Amino acid sequence: MDMDIRKQQLKDDILQRIYEIKRLYLESESVGIQTLITLADQGEQLIEVGSHLPSIDSTLISTKQNLNRMKRFRQRLLDFVRSSFNRISQENILSKLLCISTASSSLKRVY
């Protein structure tokens, strides 16, 4: 009788392991299917991004050209402001020197 109980326990143990293996197989299959779906979606996204790359590249080139134009404009503006400031400063200095010279001449006449 002891042998029959052992056979039944062994049979139950084997069936339990088979059910566990089947459950793991079904879970793995589910994960595999989800992975394939995700990879397919990502593949479509990559194709979509790839189709926009020429436009992005063109936009970057245009942006770089605009930045270069802005840099040249800024430099011309700075050069203009500097030259105007220098000219105004020089004229201001010359007019002050002229005033000092005139005042000096006037003082010499008084004394």
C-alpha atoms as a PDB file:
ATOM      1  CA  MET A   1       0.000   0.000   0.000  1.00  0.00           C
ATOM      2  CA  ASP A   2       2.872   2.258   0.782  1.00  0.00           C
ATOM      3  CA  MET A   3       3.999   1.801  -2.799  1.00  0.00           C
ATOM      4  CA  ASP A   4       0.607   2.928  -4.164  1.00  0.00           C
ATOM      5  CA  ILE A   5       0.750   6.087  -2.058  1.00  0.00           C
ATOM      6  CA  ARG A   6       4.245   6.837  -3.344  1.00  0.00           C
ATOM      7  CA  LYS A   7       3.106   6.289  -6.939  1.00  0.00           C
ATOM      8  CA  GLN A   8       0.151   8.621  -6.403  1.00  0.00           C
ATOM      9  CA  GLN A   9       2.381  11.276  -4.780  1.00  0.00           C
ATOM     10  CA  LEU A  10       4.869  10.951  -7.636  1.00  0.00           C
ATOM     11  CA  LYS A  11       2.030  11.206 -10.158  1.00  0.00           C
ATOM     12  CA  ASP A  12       0.604  14.253  -8.365  1.00  0.00           C
ATOM     13  CA  ASP A  13       4.066  15.827  -8.179  1.00  0.00           C
ATOM     14  CA  ILE A  14       4.667  15.240 -11.889  1.00  0.00           C
ATOM     15  CA  LEU A  15       1.257  16.694 -12.782  1.00  0.00           C
ATOM     16  CA  GLN A  16       1.915  19.711 -10.553  1.00  0.00           C
ATOM     17  CA  ARG A  17       5.245  20.323 -12.296  1.00  0.00           C
ATOM     18  CA  ILE A  18       3.651  19.925 -15.722  1.00  0.00           C
ATOM     19  CA  TYR A  19       0.995  22.505 -14.817  1.00  0.00           C
ATOM     20  CA  GLU A  20       3.710  24.847 -13.517  1.00  0.00           C
ATOM     21  CA  ILE A  21       5.739  24.421 -16.731  1.00  0.00           C
ATOM     22  CA  LYS A  22       2.585  25.039 -18.788  1.00  0.00           C
ATOM     23  CA  ARG A  23       1.836  28.214 -16.777  1.00  0.00           C
ATOM     24  CA  LEU A  24       5.402  29.453 -17.269  1.00  0.00           C
ATOM     25  CA  TYR A  25       5.181  28.660 -20.986  1.00  0.00           C
ATOM     26  CA  LEU A  26       1.939  30.649 -21.325  1.00  0.00           C
ATOM     27  CA  GLU A  27       3.400  33.601 -19.399  1.00  0.00           C
ATOM     28  CA  SER A  28       6.516  33.525 -21.590  1.00  0.00           C
ATOM     29  CA  GLU A  29       4.373  33.378 -24.683  1.00  0.00           C
ATOM     30  CA  SER A  30       2.375  36.390 -23.480  1.00  0.00           C
ATOM     31  CA  VAL A  31       5.552  38.353 -22.729  1.00  0.00           C
ATOM     32  CA  GLY A  32       6.949  37.377 -26.133  1.00  0.00           C
ATOM     33  CA  ILE A  33       3.810  38.583 -27.908  1.00  0.00           C
ATOM     34  CA  GLN A  34       3.877  41.891 -25.990  1.00  0.00           C
ATOM     35  CA  THR A  35       7.555  42.278 -26.872  1.00  0.00           C
ATOM     36  CA  LEU A  36       6.841  41.714 -30.566  1.00  0.00           C
ATOM     37  CA  ILE A  37       4.013  44.258 -30.484  1.00  0.00           C
ATOM     38  CA  THR A  38       6.249  46.811 -28.760  1.00  0.00           C
ATOM     39  CA  LEU A  39       9.087  46.207 -31.215  1.00  0.00           C
ATOM     40  CA  ALA A  40       6.693  46.573 -34.146  1.00  0.00           C
ATOM     41  CA  ASP A  41       5.429  49.886 -32.748  1.00  0.00           C
ATOM     42  CA  GLN A  42       8.987  51.108 -32.216  1.00  0.00           C
ATOM     43  CA  GLY A  43       9.898  50.033 -35.744  1.00  0.00           C
ATOM     44  CA  GLU A  44       7.024  52.118 -37.108  1.00  0.00           C
ATOM     45  CA  GLN A  45       8.153  55.066 -34.987  1.00  0.00           C
ATOM     46  CA  LEU A  46      11.706  54.741 -36.323  1.00  0.00           C
ATOM     47  CA  ILE A  47      10.407  54.661 -39.893  1.00  0.00           C
ATOM     48  CA  GLU A  48       8.340  57.787 -39.150  1.00  0.00           C
ATOM     49  CA  VAL A  49      11.337  59.579 -37.640  1.00  0.00           C
ATOM     50  CA  GLY A  50      13.487  58.466 -40.571  1.00  0.00           C
ATOM     51  CA  SER A  51      11.019  59.963 -43.022  1.00  0.00           C
ATOM     52  CA  HIS A  52      11.312  63.327 -41.230  1.00  0.00           C
ATOM     53  CA  LEU A  53      15.132  63.387 -41.107  1.00  0.00           C
ATOM     54  CA  PRO A  54      15.580  65.243 -44.427  1.00  0.00           C
ATOM     55  CA  SER A  55      13.204  67.956 -43.222  1.00  0.00           C
ATOM     56  CA  ILE A  56      14.979  68.173 -39.862  1.00  0.00           C
ATOM     57  CA  ASP A  57      18.342  68.352 -41.616  1.00  0.00           C
ATOM     58  CA  SER A  58      17.088  71.110 -43.911  1.00  0.00           C
ATOM     59  CA  THR A  59      15.713  73.039 -40.926  1.00  0.00           C
ATOM     60  CA  LEU A  60      19.043  72.739 -39.102  1.00  0.00           C
ATOM     61  CA  ILE A  61      20.948  74.026 -42.138  1.00  0.00           C
ATOM     62  CA  SER A  62      18.541  76.949 -42.487  1.00  0.00           C
ATOM     63  CA  THR A  63      18.815  77.708 -38.771  1.00  0.00           C
ATOM     64  CA  LYS A  64      22.612  77.666 -38.960  1.00  0.00           C
ATOM     65  CA  GLN A  65      22.535  80.079 -41.910  1.00  0.00           C
ATOM     66  CA  ASN A  66      20.178  82.401 -40.025  1.00  0.00           C
ATOM     67  CA  LEU A  67      22.429  82.311 -36.958  1.00  0.00           C
ATOM     68  CA  ASN A  68      25.425  83.209 -39.106  1.00  0.00           C
ATOM     69  CA  ARG A  69      23.490  86.127 -40.619  1.00  0.00           C
ATOM     70  CA  MET A  70      22.508  87.302 -37.152  1.00  0.00           C
ATOM     71  CA  LYS A  71      26.130  87.094 -35.974  1.00  0.00           C
ATOM     72  CA  ARG A  72      27.280  89.176 -38.969  1.00  0.00           C
ATOM     73  CA  PHE A  73      24.503  91.728 -38.348  1.00  0.00           C
ATOM     74  CA  ARG A  74      25.380  91.906 -34.641  1.00  0.00           C
ATOM     75  CA  GLN A  75      29.038  92.458 -35.512  1.00  0.00           C
ATOM     76  CA  ARG A  76      28.178  95.227 -37.993  1.00  0.00           C
ATOM     77  CA  LEU A  77      25.920  96.829 -35.393  1.00  0.00           C
ATOM     78  CA  LEU A  78      28.650  96.662 -32.741  1.00  0.00           C
ATOM     79  CA  ASP A  79      31.182  98.121 -35.173  1.00  0.00           C
ATOM     80  CA  PHE A  80      28.763 100.942 -36.015  1.00  0.00           C
ATOM     81  CA  VAL A  81      28.072 101.711 -32.346  1.00  0.00           C
ATOM     82  CA  ARG A  82      31.779 101.640 -31.506  1.00  0.00           C
ATOM     83  CA  SER A  83      32.715 103.902 -34.390  1.00  0.00           C
ATOM     84  CA  SER A  84      29.843 106.275 -33.567  1.00  0.00           C
ATOM     85  CA  PHE A  85      30.854 106.347 -29.904  1.00  0.00           C
ATOM     86  CA  ASN A  86      34.481 106.937 -30.822  1.00  0.00           C
ATOM     87  CA  ARG A  87      33.505 109.721 -33.228  1.00  0.00           C
ATOM     88  CA  ILE A  88      31.189 111.321 -30.647  1.00  0.00           C
ATOM     89  CA  SER A  89      33.856 110.970 -27.969  1.00  0.00           C
ATOM     90  CA  GLN A  90      36.499 112.490 -30.222  1.00  0.00           C
ATOM     91  CA  GLU A  91      34.190 115.365 -31.199  1.00  0.00           C
ATOM     92  CA  ASN A  92      33.304 115.879 -27.545  1.00  0.00           C
ATOM     93  CA  ILE A  93      36.966 115.907 -26.549  1.00  0.00           C
ATOM     94  CA  LEU A  94      37.813 118.314 -29.388  1.00  0.00           C
ATOM     95  CA  SER A  95      34.981 120.666 -28.437  1.00  0.00           C
ATOM     96  CA  LYS A  96      36.076 120.613 -24.783  1.00  0.00           C
ATOM     97  CA  LEU A  97      39.672 121.292 -25.821  1.00  0.00           C
ATOM     98  CA  LEU A  98      38.453 124.163 -27.964  1.00  0.00           C
ATOM     99  CA  CYS A  99      36.459 125.558 -25.019  1.00  0.00           C
ATOM    100  CA  ILE A 100      39.490 125.237 -22.757  1.00  0.00           C
ATOM    101  CA  SER A 101      41.659 126.880 -25.355  1.00  0.00           C
ATOM    102  CA  THR A 102      39.166 129.708 -25.814  1.00  0.00           C
ATOM    103  CA  ALA A 103      38.797 130.141 -22.082  1.00  0.00           C
ATOM    104  CA  SER A 104      42.545 130.121 -21.666  1.00  0.00           C
ATOM    105  CA  SER A 105      42.885 132.812 -24.333  1.00  0.00           C
ATOM    106  CA  SER A 106      40.207 134.879 -22.661  1.00  0.00           C
ATOM    107  CA  LEU A 107      41.909 134.580 -19.306  1.00  0.00           C
ATOM    108  CA  LYS A 108      45.217 135.640 -20.796  1.00  0.00           C
ATOM    109  CA  ARG A 109      43.595 138.777 -22.171  1.00  0.00           C
ATOM    110  CA  VAL A 110      42.071 139.601 -18.803  1.00  0.00           C
ATOM    111  CA  TYR A 111      45.354 139.246 -16.912  1.00  0.00           C
END
